[in-house]
């Protein structure tokens, strides 16, 4: 089975946008500005965001995106994960980079990028996902760090960021084989050896996705759910996407109704509970008939 060409185009866009933001992000920039810059750059190149740009700082590992009027800014000393996705007609890629403004965490950043590089080397048809986790864990230990064991890479399918197969960041027996014609994201998260090695839910909840197309019994909520489906299908979205049409309060009321009816789900930010710094790098890889191809 061949890999659709749209994945390669989405990967080209994602790589270009990620590399540009990696060079230009700096202390003093607001998280809202970074999210808008990334997402607008994706759109201007002919793609669409596969999910809201995540800008997760320090002990926040993942799933933080800007709120409508987000005032938070980057500071000297921050370790910033920028996680972004691009799709073309639902064919999507997922990629992330860590930008470090604190030299004390340069080794952590380099170790995480090395773990990604070493993990990618194992990608081939028939490879066990758990073996990739073993390599990531080995790199972490060699550098004096540990992986976040309850975050993982994943298979990718049209309109599905996490499509069923997990690629762990630590050794895990009984995992499935990689298959030709598929797309996978490998994303090591490393942190301090003194950490818990896992993440918990934090307070921020700024990312949602559609779970079901059914009536909520509320006209405004049903109209909004249809807007979600028409534009994003089941891909994650941020309420700020509709800030020109609704107030923050109106959006929260509507989303609460949809949550109560299990029409949408919410993704809480994920944090290292001991407050330890987390780094992340990610690429999406197409496993073609000729072998693996790093899309991003």
C-alpha atoms as a PDB file:
ATOM      1  CA  UNK A   1       0.000   0.000   0.000  1.00  0.00           C
ATOM      2  CA  UNK A   2       1.384   3.417  -0.979  1.00  0.00           C
ATOM      3  CA  UNK A   3       1.331   6.481   1.265  1.00  0.00           C
ATOM      4  CA  UNK A   4      -0.907   9.285  -0.132  1.00  0.00           C
ATOM      5  CA  UNK A   5       0.989  12.263  -1.536  1.00  0.00           C
ATOM      6  CA  UNK A   6      -0.900  14.646   0.747  1.00  0.00           C
ATOM      7  CA  UNK A   7       1.135  13.387   3.701  1.00  0.00           C
ATOM      8  CA  UNK A   8       4.347  14.467   1.982  1.00  0.00           C
ATOM      9  CA  UNK A   9       2.995  17.930   1.220  1.00  0.00           C
ATOM     10  CA  UNK A  10       1.706  18.348   4.772  1.00  0.00           C
ATOM     11  CA  UNK A  11       5.139  17.283   6.014  1.00  0.00           C
ATOM     12  CA  UNK A  12       6.906  19.831   3.837  1.00  0.00           C
ATOM     13  CA  UNK A  13       4.710  22.612   5.200  1.00  0.00           C
ATOM     14  CA  UNK A  14       5.089  21.472   8.804  1.00  0.00           C
ATOM     15  CA  UNK A  15       8.869  21.235   8.537  1.00  0.00           C
ATOM     16  CA  UNK A  16       9.175  24.710   7.069  1.00  0.00           C
ATOM     17  CA  UNK A  17       6.895  26.330   9.643  1.00  0.00           C
ATOM     18  CA  UNK A  18       8.511  24.494  12.561  1.00  0.00           C
ATOM     19  CA  UNK A  19      12.010  25.470  11.483  1.00  0.00           C
ATOM     20  CA  UNK A  20      10.990  29.107  11.083  1.00  0.00           C
ATOM     21  CA  UNK A  21       9.369  29.355  14.523  1.00  0.00           C
ATOM     22  CA  UNK A  22      12.333  27.576  16.094  1.00  0.00           C
ATOM     23  CA  UNK A  23      14.586  30.356  14.786  1.00  0.00           C
ATOM     24  CA  UNK A  24      12.323  33.280  15.640  1.00  0.00           C
ATOM     25  CA  UNK A  25      10.685  32.417  18.991  1.00  0.00           C
ATOM     26  CA  UNK A  26      12.197  34.437  21.833  1.00  0.00           C
ATOM     27  CA  UNK A  27      11.551  35.572  25.418  1.00  0.00           C
ATOM     28  CA  UNK A  28       8.901  38.260  25.560  1.00  0.00           C
ATOM     29  CA  UNK A  29       6.706  36.712  22.870  1.00  0.00           C
ATOM     30  CA  UNK A  30       3.214  35.848  24.005  1.00  0.00           C
ATOM     31  CA  UNK A  31       1.933  32.306  23.671  1.00  0.00           C
ATOM     32  CA  UNK A  32      -1.045  33.667  21.739  1.00  0.00           C
ATOM     33  CA  UNK A  33       1.315  35.324  19.244  1.00  0.00           C
ATOM     34  CA  UNK A  34       3.252  32.079  18.760  1.00  0.00           C
ATOM     35  CA  UNK A  35       0.080  30.039  18.213  1.00  0.00           C
ATOM     36  CA  UNK A  36      -1.310  32.555  15.721  1.00  0.00           C
ATOM     37  CA  UNK A  37       2.028  32.816  13.899  1.00  0.00           C
ATOM     38  CA  UNK A  38       2.325  29.050  13.481  1.00  0.00           C
ATOM     39  CA  UNK A  39      -1.286  28.447  12.472  1.00  0.00           C
ATOM     40  CA  UNK A  40      -1.397  31.384  10.041  1.00  0.00           C
ATOM     41  CA  UNK A  41       1.869  30.243   8.468  1.00  0.00           C
ATOM     42  CA  UNK A  42       0.362  26.789   7.912  1.00  0.00           C
ATOM     43  CA  UNK A  43      -2.733  28.287   6.270  1.00  0.00           C
ATOM     44  CA  UNK A  44      -0.714  30.652   4.081  1.00  0.00           C
ATOM     45  CA  UNK A  45       1.168  27.650   2.639  1.00  0.00           C
ATOM     46  CA  UNK A  46      -2.000  25.808   1.671  1.00  0.00           C
ATOM     47  CA  UNK A  47      -2.369  23.539   4.694  1.00  0.00           C
ATOM     48  CA  UNK A  48      -4.637  23.593   7.710  1.00  0.00           C
ATOM     49  CA  UNK A  49      -3.770  23.100  11.399  1.00  0.00           C
ATOM     50  CA  UNK A  50      -4.291  19.452  12.349  1.00  0.00           C
ATOM     51  CA  UNK A  51      -4.701  20.618  15.958  1.00  0.00           C
ATOM     52  CA  UNK A  52      -4.113  23.864  17.873  1.00  0.00           C
ATOM     53  CA  UNK A  53      -0.455  24.780  18.149  1.00  0.00           C
ATOM     54  CA  UNK A  54       0.763  23.675  21.600  1.00  0.00           C
ATOM     55  CA  UNK A  55       3.192  25.951  23.461  1.00  0.00           C
ATOM     56  CA  UNK A  56       4.026  24.137  26.687  1.00  0.00           C
ATOM     57  CA  UNK A  57       6.604  25.624  29.054  1.00  0.00           C
ATOM     58  CA  UNK A  58       8.897  24.035  31.613  1.00  0.00           C
ATOM     59  CA  UNK A  59       7.028  21.379  33.646  1.00  0.00           C
ATOM     60  CA  UNK A  60       4.005  21.561  31.327  1.00  0.00           C
ATOM     61  CA  UNK A  61       4.706  18.702  28.948  1.00  0.00           C
ATOM     62  CA  UNK A  62       1.866  19.029  26.442  1.00  0.00           C
ATOM     63  CA  UNK A  63      -1.609  20.254  25.510  1.00  0.00           C
ATOM     64  CA  UNK A  64      -1.272  23.925  26.383  1.00  0.00           C
ATOM     65  CA  UNK A  65      -2.554  26.242  23.685  1.00  0.00           C
ATOM     66  CA  UNK A  66      -3.473  29.888  23.990  1.00  0.00           C
ATOM     67  CA  UNK A  67      -6.820  30.952  25.361  1.00  0.00           C
ATOM     68  CA  UNK A  68      -8.762  33.711  23.579  1.00  0.00           C
ATOM     69  CA  UNK A  69      -7.180  36.540  25.584  1.00  0.00           C
ATOM     70  CA  UNK A  70      -4.090  34.681  26.787  1.00  0.00           C
ATOM     71  CA  UNK A  71      -1.633  37.082  28.448  1.00  0.00           C
ATOM     72  CA  UNK A  72       1.157  34.599  29.221  1.00  0.00           C
ATOM     73  CA  UNK A  73       4.587  35.281  27.708  1.00  0.00           C
ATOM     74  CA  UNK A  74       7.877  33.444  27.398  1.00  0.00           C
ATOM     75  CA  UNK A  75      10.638  34.332  29.850  1.00  0.00           C
ATOM     76  CA  UNK A  76      14.392  33.970  29.988  1.00  0.00           C
ATOM     77  CA  UNK A  77      15.022  30.576  31.556  1.00  0.00           C
ATOM     78  CA  UNK A  78      12.022  28.864  29.946  1.00  0.00           C
ATOM     79  CA  UNK A  79      12.196  25.506  28.189  1.00  0.00           C
ATOM     80  CA  UNK A  80       9.475  25.679  25.549  1.00  0.00           C
ATOM     81  CA  UNK A  81       7.874  22.799  23.627  1.00  0.00           C
ATOM     82  CA  UNK A  82       6.194  23.844  20.363  1.00  0.00           C
ATOM     83  CA  UNK A  83       4.038  21.011  19.027  1.00  0.00           C
ATOM     84  CA  UNK A  84       2.170  21.552  15.754  1.00  0.00           C
ATOM     85  CA  UNK A  85       0.279  19.621  13.107  1.00  0.00           C
ATOM     86  CA  UNK A  86      -0.653  20.154   9.476  1.00  0.00           C
ATOM     87  CA  UNK A  87      -3.285  18.433   7.398  1.00  0.00           C
ATOM     88  CA  UNK A  88      -4.333  18.464   3.768  1.00  0.00           C
ATOM     89  CA  UNK A  89      -7.781  16.964   3.222  1.00  0.00           C
ATOM     90  CA  UNK A  90      -7.386  15.130   6.547  1.00  0.00           C
ATOM     91  CA  UNK A  91      -3.980  13.635   5.751  1.00  0.00           C
ATOM     92  CA  UNK A  92      -1.937  14.934   8.648  1.00  0.00           C
ATOM     93  CA  UNK A  93       1.505  15.112  10.201  1.00  0.00           C
ATOM     94  CA  UNK A  94       2.594  15.922  13.744  1.00  0.00           C
ATOM     95  CA  UNK A  95       5.927  17.485  14.736  1.00  0.00           C
ATOM     96  CA  UNK A  96       7.485  19.212  17.738  1.00  0.00           C
ATOM     97  CA  UNK A  97      10.630  21.022  18.811  1.00  0.00           C
ATOM     98  CA  UNK A  98      11.970  22.249  22.150  1.00  0.00           C
ATOM     99  CA  UNK A  99      13.526  25.710  22.330  1.00  0.00           C
ATOM    100  CA  UNK A 100      15.687  26.158  25.408  1.00  0.00           C
ATOM    101  CA  UNK A 101      16.358  29.585  26.943  1.00  0.00           C
ATOM    102  CA  UNK A 102      18.186  28.105  29.939  1.00  0.00           C
ATOM    103  CA  UNK A 103      21.663  26.644  29.479  1.00  0.00           C
ATOM    104  CA  UNK A 104      21.142  24.412  32.529  1.00  0.00           C
ATOM    105  CA  UNK A 105      18.774  22.352  30.367  1.00  0.00           C
ATOM    106  CA  UNK A 106      20.807  22.195  27.165  1.00  0.00           C
ATOM    107  CA  UNK A 107      21.757  18.577  27.910  1.00  0.00           C
ATOM    108  CA  UNK A 108      18.117  17.638  28.456  1.00  0.00           C
ATOM    109  CA  UNK A 109      17.177  19.233  25.146  1.00  0.00           C
ATOM    110  CA  UNK A 110      20.028  17.539  23.269  1.00  0.00           C
ATOM    111  CA  UNK A 111      19.306  14.171  24.868  1.00  0.00           C
ATOM    112  CA  UNK A 112      15.659  14.334  23.805  1.00  0.00           C
ATOM    113  CA  UNK A 113      16.531  15.191  20.221  1.00  0.00           C
ATOM    114  CA  UNK A 114      19.093  12.362  20.221  1.00  0.00           C
ATOM    115  CA  UNK A 115      16.439   9.941  21.494  1.00  0.00           C
ATOM    116  CA  UNK A 116      14.223  10.907  18.570  1.00  0.00           C
ATOM    117  CA  UNK A 117      17.049  10.406  16.076  1.00  0.00           C
ATOM    118  CA  UNK A 118      17.921   6.994  17.521  1.00  0.00           C
ATOM    119  CA  UNK A 119      14.285   5.926  17.661  1.00  0.00           C
ATOM    120  CA  UNK A 120      13.715   6.792  14.008  1.00  0.00           C
ATOM    121  CA  UNK A 121      16.572   4.472  13.014  1.00  0.00           C
ATOM    122  CA  UNK A 122      14.470   1.495  14.112  1.00  0.00           C
ATOM    123  CA  UNK A 123      11.474   2.355  11.935  1.00  0.00           C
ATOM    124  CA  UNK A 124      10.953  -0.381   9.353  1.00  0.00           C
ATOM    125  CA  UNK A 125       8.239  -2.837   8.402  1.00  0.00           C
ATOM    126  CA  UNK A 126       7.771  -5.413  11.143  1.00  0.00           C
ATOM    127  CA  UNK A 127       9.614  -3.421  13.816  1.00  0.00           C
ATOM    128  CA  UNK A 128       8.066  -3.696  17.271  1.00  0.00           C
ATOM    129  CA  UNK A 129       6.880  -0.414  18.733  1.00  0.00           C
ATOM    130  CA  UNK A 130       8.211  -1.473  22.130  1.00  0.00           C
ATOM    131  CA  UNK A 131      11.734  -1.758  20.739  1.00  0.00           C
ATOM    132  CA  UNK A 132      11.607   1.915  19.753  1.00  0.00           C
ATOM    133  CA  UNK A 133      10.621   2.650  23.342  1.00  0.00           C
ATOM    134  CA  UNK A 134      13.565   0.606  24.562  1.00  0.00           C
ATOM    135  CA  UNK A 135      15.984   2.726  22.513  1.00  0.00           C
ATOM    136  CA  UNK A 136      14.429   5.998  23.709  1.00  0.00           C
ATOM    137  CA  UNK A 137      14.680   4.861  27.317  1.00  0.00           C
ATOM    138  CA  UNK A 138      18.279   3.751  26.790  1.00  0.00           C
ATOM    139  CA  UNK A 139      19.280   7.150  25.392  1.00  0.00           C
ATOM    140  CA  UNK A 140      17.568   8.897  28.303  1.00  0.00           C
ATOM    141  CA  UNK A 141      19.422   6.792  30.851  1.00  0.00           C
ATOM    142  CA  UNK A 142      22.749   7.263  29.088  1.00  0.00           C
ATOM    143  CA  UNK A 143      22.366  11.041  29.348  1.00  0.00           C
ATOM    144  CA  UNK A 144      21.176  10.902  32.957  1.00  0.00           C
ATOM    145  CA  UNK A 145      17.471  11.510  32.350  1.00  0.00           C
ATOM    146  CA  UNK A 146      14.279   9.469  32.244  1.00  0.00           C
ATOM    147  CA  UNK A 147      11.400   9.298  29.762  1.00  0.00           C
ATOM    148  CA  UNK A 148       7.812  10.262  30.472  1.00  0.00           C
ATOM    149  CA  UNK A 149       6.305   6.794  30.353  1.00  0.00           C
ATOM    150  CA  UNK A 150       2.628   7.757  30.009  1.00  0.00           C
ATOM    151  CA  UNK A 151       3.192   9.893  26.912  1.00  0.00           C
ATOM    152  CA  UNK A 152       3.890   8.142  23.638  1.00  0.00           C
ATOM    153  CA  UNK A 153       4.200   8.318  19.896  1.00  0.00           C
ATOM    154  CA  UNK A 154       1.382   6.998  17.749  1.00  0.00           C
ATOM    155  CA  UNK A 155       0.081   5.890  14.408  1.00  0.00           C
ATOM    156  CA  UNK A 156      -1.637   8.492  12.239  1.00  0.00           C
ATOM    157  CA  UNK A 157      -4.633   8.097   9.930  1.00  0.00           C
ATOM    158  CA  UNK A 158      -6.799  10.595   8.018  1.00  0.00           C
ATOM    159  CA  UNK A 159      -8.491  12.941  10.511  1.00  0.00           C
ATOM    160  CA  UNK A 160      -7.050  10.891  13.417  1.00  0.00           C
ATOM    161  CA  UNK A 161      -3.956  12.216  15.159  1.00  0.00           C
ATOM    162  CA  UNK A 162      -3.760   9.226  17.533  1.00  0.00           C
ATOM    163  CA  UNK A 163      -4.969   6.326  15.403  1.00  0.00           C
ATOM    164  CA  UNK A 164      -4.627   3.325  17.698  1.00  0.00           C
ATOM    165  CA  UNK A 165      -1.043   2.073  17.757  1.00  0.00           C
ATOM    166  CA  UNK A 166       1.122   3.570  20.516  1.00  0.00           C
ATOM    167  CA  UNK A 167       4.891   3.929  20.266  1.00  0.00           C
ATOM    168  CA  UNK A 168       6.071   4.074  23.880  1.00  0.00           C
ATOM    169  CA  UNK A 169       8.922   6.161  25.253  1.00  0.00           C
ATOM    170  CA  UNK A 170      10.093   3.277  27.457  1.00  0.00           C
ATOM    171  CA  UNK A 171      10.358  -0.471  26.972  1.00  0.00           C
ATOM    172  CA  UNK A 172       6.945  -2.104  26.808  1.00  0.00           C
ATOM    173  CA  UNK A 173       6.373  -5.780  25.939  1.00  0.00           C
ATOM    174  CA  UNK A 174       3.579  -7.029  23.756  1.00  0.00           C
ATOM    175  CA  UNK A 175       3.432  -4.040  21.412  1.00  0.00           C
ATOM    176  CA  UNK A 176       2.373  -4.288  17.788  1.00  0.00           C
ATOM    177  CA  UNK A 177       4.452  -4.267  14.599  1.00  0.00           C
ATOM    178  CA  UNK A 178       4.866  -1.295  12.272  1.00  0.00           C
ATOM    179  CA  UNK A 179       3.343  -1.792   8.820  1.00  0.00           C
ATOM    180  CA  UNK A 180       4.267  -0.495   5.377  1.00  0.00           C
ATOM    181  CA  UNK A 181       1.850   2.076   3.954  1.00  0.00           C
ATOM    182  CA  UNK A 182       1.333   3.644   7.396  1.00  0.00           C
ATOM    183  CA  UNK A 183       2.375   6.908   9.040  1.00  0.00           C
ATOM    184  CA  UNK A 184       3.782   7.100  12.564  1.00  0.00           C
ATOM    185  CA  UNK A 185       4.798   9.883  14.938  1.00  0.00           C
ATOM    186  CA  UNK A 186       7.700   9.300  17.310  1.00  0.00           C
ATOM    187  CA  UNK A 187       7.868  11.837  20.135  1.00  0.00           C
ATOM    188  CA  UNK A 188      10.226  11.336  23.068  1.00  0.00           C
ATOM    189  CA  UNK A 189       9.509  13.336  26.224  1.00  0.00           C
ATOM    190  CA  UNK A 190      12.446  13.342  28.643  1.00  0.00           C
ATOM    191  CA  UNK A 191      12.768  14.850  32.098  1.00  0.00           C
ATOM    192  CA  UNK A 192      14.881  14.778  35.243  1.00  0.00           C
ATOM    193  CA  UNK A 193      15.890  11.455  36.782  1.00  0.00           C
ATOM    194  CA  UNK A 194      14.373  12.787  40.059  1.00  0.00           C
ATOM    195  CA  UNK A 195      10.949  13.218  38.463  1.00  0.00           C
ATOM    196  CA  UNK A 196       7.959  10.879  38.704  1.00  0.00           C
ATOM    197  CA  UNK A 197       8.474   9.904  35.072  1.00  0.00           C
ATOM    198  CA  UNK A 198       4.787  10.457  34.363  1.00  0.00           C
ATOM    199  CA  UNK A 199       2.461  13.411  33.780  1.00  0.00           C
ATOM    200  CA  UNK A 200      -0.821  14.371  35.408  1.00  0.00           C
ATOM    201  CA  UNK A 201      -3.658  16.612  34.277  1.00  0.00           C
ATOM    202  CA  UNK A 202      -3.177  20.325  34.916  1.00  0.00           C
ATOM    203  CA  UNK A 203      -5.698  23.140  35.200  1.00  0.00           C
ATOM    204  CA  UNK A 204      -5.756  24.558  31.668  1.00  0.00           C
ATOM    205  CA  UNK A 205      -8.349  23.125  29.286  1.00  0.00           C
ATOM    206  CA  UNK A 206      -8.137  24.956  25.976  1.00  0.00           C
ATOM    207  CA  UNK A 207      -8.266  22.102  23.439  1.00  0.00           C
ATOM    208  CA  UNK A 208     -11.405  20.180  22.403  1.00  0.00           C
ATOM    209  CA  UNK A 209     -12.550  17.747  19.723  1.00  0.00           C
ATOM    210  CA  UNK A 210     -15.871  16.503  18.408  1.00  0.00           C
ATOM    211  CA  UNK A 211     -16.912  13.048  19.644  1.00  0.00           C
ATOM    212  CA  UNK A 212     -20.391  12.608  18.173  1.00  0.00           C
ATOM    213  CA  UNK A 213     -22.882  14.227  15.833  1.00  0.00           C
ATOM    214  CA  UNK A 214     -26.139  14.261  17.748  1.00  0.00           C
ATOM    215  CA  UNK A 215     -28.558  16.813  19.161  1.00  0.00           C
ATOM    216  CA  UNK A 216     -27.762  18.436  22.471  1.00  0.00           C
ATOM    217  CA  UNK A 217     -31.255  19.850  22.814  1.00  0.00           C
ATOM    218  CA  UNK A 218     -29.848  23.373  22.556  1.00  0.00           C
ATOM    219  CA  UNK A 219     -30.051  25.217  19.233  1.00  0.00           C
ATOM    220  CA  UNK A 220     -26.934  27.359  19.732  1.00  0.00           C
ATOM    221  CA  UNK A 221     -24.862  24.383  20.854  1.00  0.00           C
ATOM    222  CA  UNK A 222     -26.064  22.263  17.930  1.00  0.00           C
ATOM    223  CA  UNK A 223     -25.191  25.032  15.478  1.00  0.00           C
ATOM    224  CA  UNK A 224     -21.721  25.275  16.961  1.00  0.00           C
ATOM    225  CA  UNK A 225     -21.229  21.497  16.788  1.00  0.00           C
ATOM    226  CA  UNK A 226     -22.102  21.623  13.098  1.00  0.00           C
ATOM    227  CA  UNK A 227     -19.501  24.363  12.603  1.00  0.00           C
ATOM    228  CA  UNK A 228     -16.925  22.090  14.216  1.00  0.00           C
ATOM    229  CA  UNK A 229     -17.821  19.189  11.939  1.00  0.00           C
ATOM    230  CA  UNK A 230     -17.809  21.270   8.759  1.00  0.00           C
ATOM    231  CA  UNK A 231     -14.387  22.758   9.458  1.00  0.00           C
ATOM    232  CA  UNK A 232     -12.482  20.212  11.570  1.00  0.00           C
ATOM    233  CA  UNK A 233     -14.394  16.904  11.558  1.00  0.00           C
ATOM    234  CA  UNK A 234     -12.955  15.077  14.604  1.00  0.00           C
ATOM    235  CA  UNK A 235      -9.632  16.945  14.703  1.00  0.00           C
ATOM    236  CA  UNK A 236      -8.828  18.948  17.856  1.00  0.00           C
ATOM    237  CA  UNK A 237      -9.693  22.651  17.896  1.00  0.00           C
ATOM    238  CA  UNK A 238      -9.365  25.685  20.167  1.00  0.00           C
ATOM    239  CA  UNK A 239     -12.246  27.955  21.195  1.00  0.00           C
ATOM    240  CA  UNK A 240     -10.164  30.976  20.084  1.00  0.00           C
ATOM    241  CA  UNK A 241     -10.774  29.889  16.477  1.00  0.00           C
ATOM    242  CA  UNK A 242     -14.239  31.451  16.831  1.00  0.00           C
ATOM    243  CA  UNK A 243     -13.270  34.565  18.808  1.00  0.00           C
ATOM    244  CA  UNK A 244     -14.616  36.823  16.036  1.00  0.00           C
ATOM    245  CA  UNK A 245     -18.065  35.248  16.271  1.00  0.00           C
ATOM    246  CA  UNK A 246     -18.512  34.535  19.998  1.00  0.00           C
ATOM    247  CA  UNK A 247     -17.349  36.001  23.276  1.00  0.00           C
ATOM    248  CA  UNK A 248     -15.235  33.859  25.591  1.00  0.00           C
ATOM    249  CA  UNK A 249     -18.215  33.497  27.940  1.00  0.00           C
ATOM    250  CA  UNK A 250     -20.550  32.423  25.137  1.00  0.00           C
ATOM    251  CA  UNK A 251     -18.084  29.824  23.918  1.00  0.00           C
ATOM    252  CA  UNK A 252     -17.638  28.382  27.394  1.00  0.00           C
ATOM    253  CA  UNK A 253     -21.390  28.053  27.915  1.00  0.00           C
ATOM    254  CA  UNK A 254     -21.785  26.262  24.580  1.00  0.00           C
ATOM    255  CA  UNK A 255     -18.814  23.973  25.165  1.00  0.00           C
ATOM    256  CA  UNK A 256     -20.024  23.068  28.645  1.00  0.00           C
ATOM    257  CA  UNK A 257     -23.355  21.986  27.143  1.00  0.00           C
ATOM    258  CA  UNK A 258     -21.612  19.884  24.511  1.00  0.00           C
ATOM    259  CA  UNK A 259     -19.329  18.342  27.129  1.00  0.00           C
ATOM    260  CA  UNK A 260     -22.295  17.436  29.311  1.00  0.00           C
ATOM    261  CA  UNK A 261     -23.902  15.602  26.382  1.00  0.00           C
ATOM    262  CA  UNK A 262     -20.605  13.911  25.441  1.00  0.00           C
ATOM    263  CA  UNK A 263     -20.666  15.577  22.039  1.00  0.00           C
ATOM    264  CA  UNK A 264     -17.181  17.026  22.526  1.00  0.00           C
ATOM    265  CA  UNK A 265     -14.238  16.046  24.704  1.00  0.00           C
ATOM    266  CA  UNK A 266     -11.608  18.258  26.306  1.00  0.00           C
ATOM    267  CA  UNK A 267      -7.833  17.722  26.518  1.00  0.00           C
ATOM    268  CA  UNK A 268      -6.346  19.042  29.786  1.00  0.00           C
ATOM    269  CA  UNK A 269      -2.799  20.302  29.797  1.00  0.00           C
ATOM    270  CA  UNK A 270      -0.371  17.613  30.984  1.00  0.00           C
ATOM    271  CA  UNK A 271       2.185  18.501  33.673  1.00  0.00           C
ATOM    272  CA  UNK A 272       5.095  16.815  35.436  1.00  0.00           C
ATOM    273  CA  UNK A 273       3.726  16.753  39.018  1.00  0.00           C
ATOM    274  CA  UNK A 274       7.054  17.384  40.760  1.00  0.00           C
ATOM    275  CA  UNK A 275       7.601  20.545  38.726  1.00  0.00           C
ATOM    276  CA  UNK A 276      10.525  19.096  36.768  1.00  0.00           C
ATOM    277  CA  UNK A 277      11.397  20.440  33.332  1.00  0.00           C
ATOM    278  CA  UNK A 278      10.263  18.371  30.317  1.00  0.00           C
ATOM    279  CA  UNK A 279      11.664  18.444  26.772  1.00  0.00           C
ATOM    280  CA  UNK A 280      10.043  17.022  23.614  1.00  0.00           C
ATOM    281  CA  UNK A 281      10.974  16.431  19.990  1.00  0.00           C
ATOM    282  CA  UNK A 282       8.795  14.783  17.355  1.00  0.00           C
ATOM    283  CA  UNK A 283       8.774  13.730  13.717  1.00  0.00           C
ATOM    284  CA  UNK A 284       6.186  11.991  11.568  1.00  0.00           C
ATOM    285  CA  UNK A 285       7.496   9.123   9.434  1.00  0.00           C
ATOM    286  CA  UNK A 286       5.892   7.463   6.423  1.00  0.00           C
ATOM    287  CA  UNK A 287       6.735   3.778   6.176  1.00  0.00           C
ATOM    288  CA  UNK A 288       6.736   3.459   2.394  1.00  0.00           C
ATOM    289  CA  UNK A 289       7.321   0.366   0.276  1.00  0.00           C
ATOM    290  CA  UNK A 290      10.877   1.660  -0.285  1.00  0.00           C
ATOM    291  CA  UNK A 291      11.457   2.175   3.444  1.00  0.00           C
ATOM    292  CA  UNK A 292      10.941   4.923   6.030  1.00  0.00           C
ATOM    293  CA  UNK A 293      10.687   8.584   5.001  1.00  0.00           C
ATOM    294  CA  UNK A 294      10.774  11.371   7.592  1.00  0.00           C
ATOM    295  CA  UNK A 295       7.903  13.585   6.506  1.00  0.00           C
ATOM    296  CA  UNK A 296       8.640  16.479   8.830  1.00  0.00           C
END
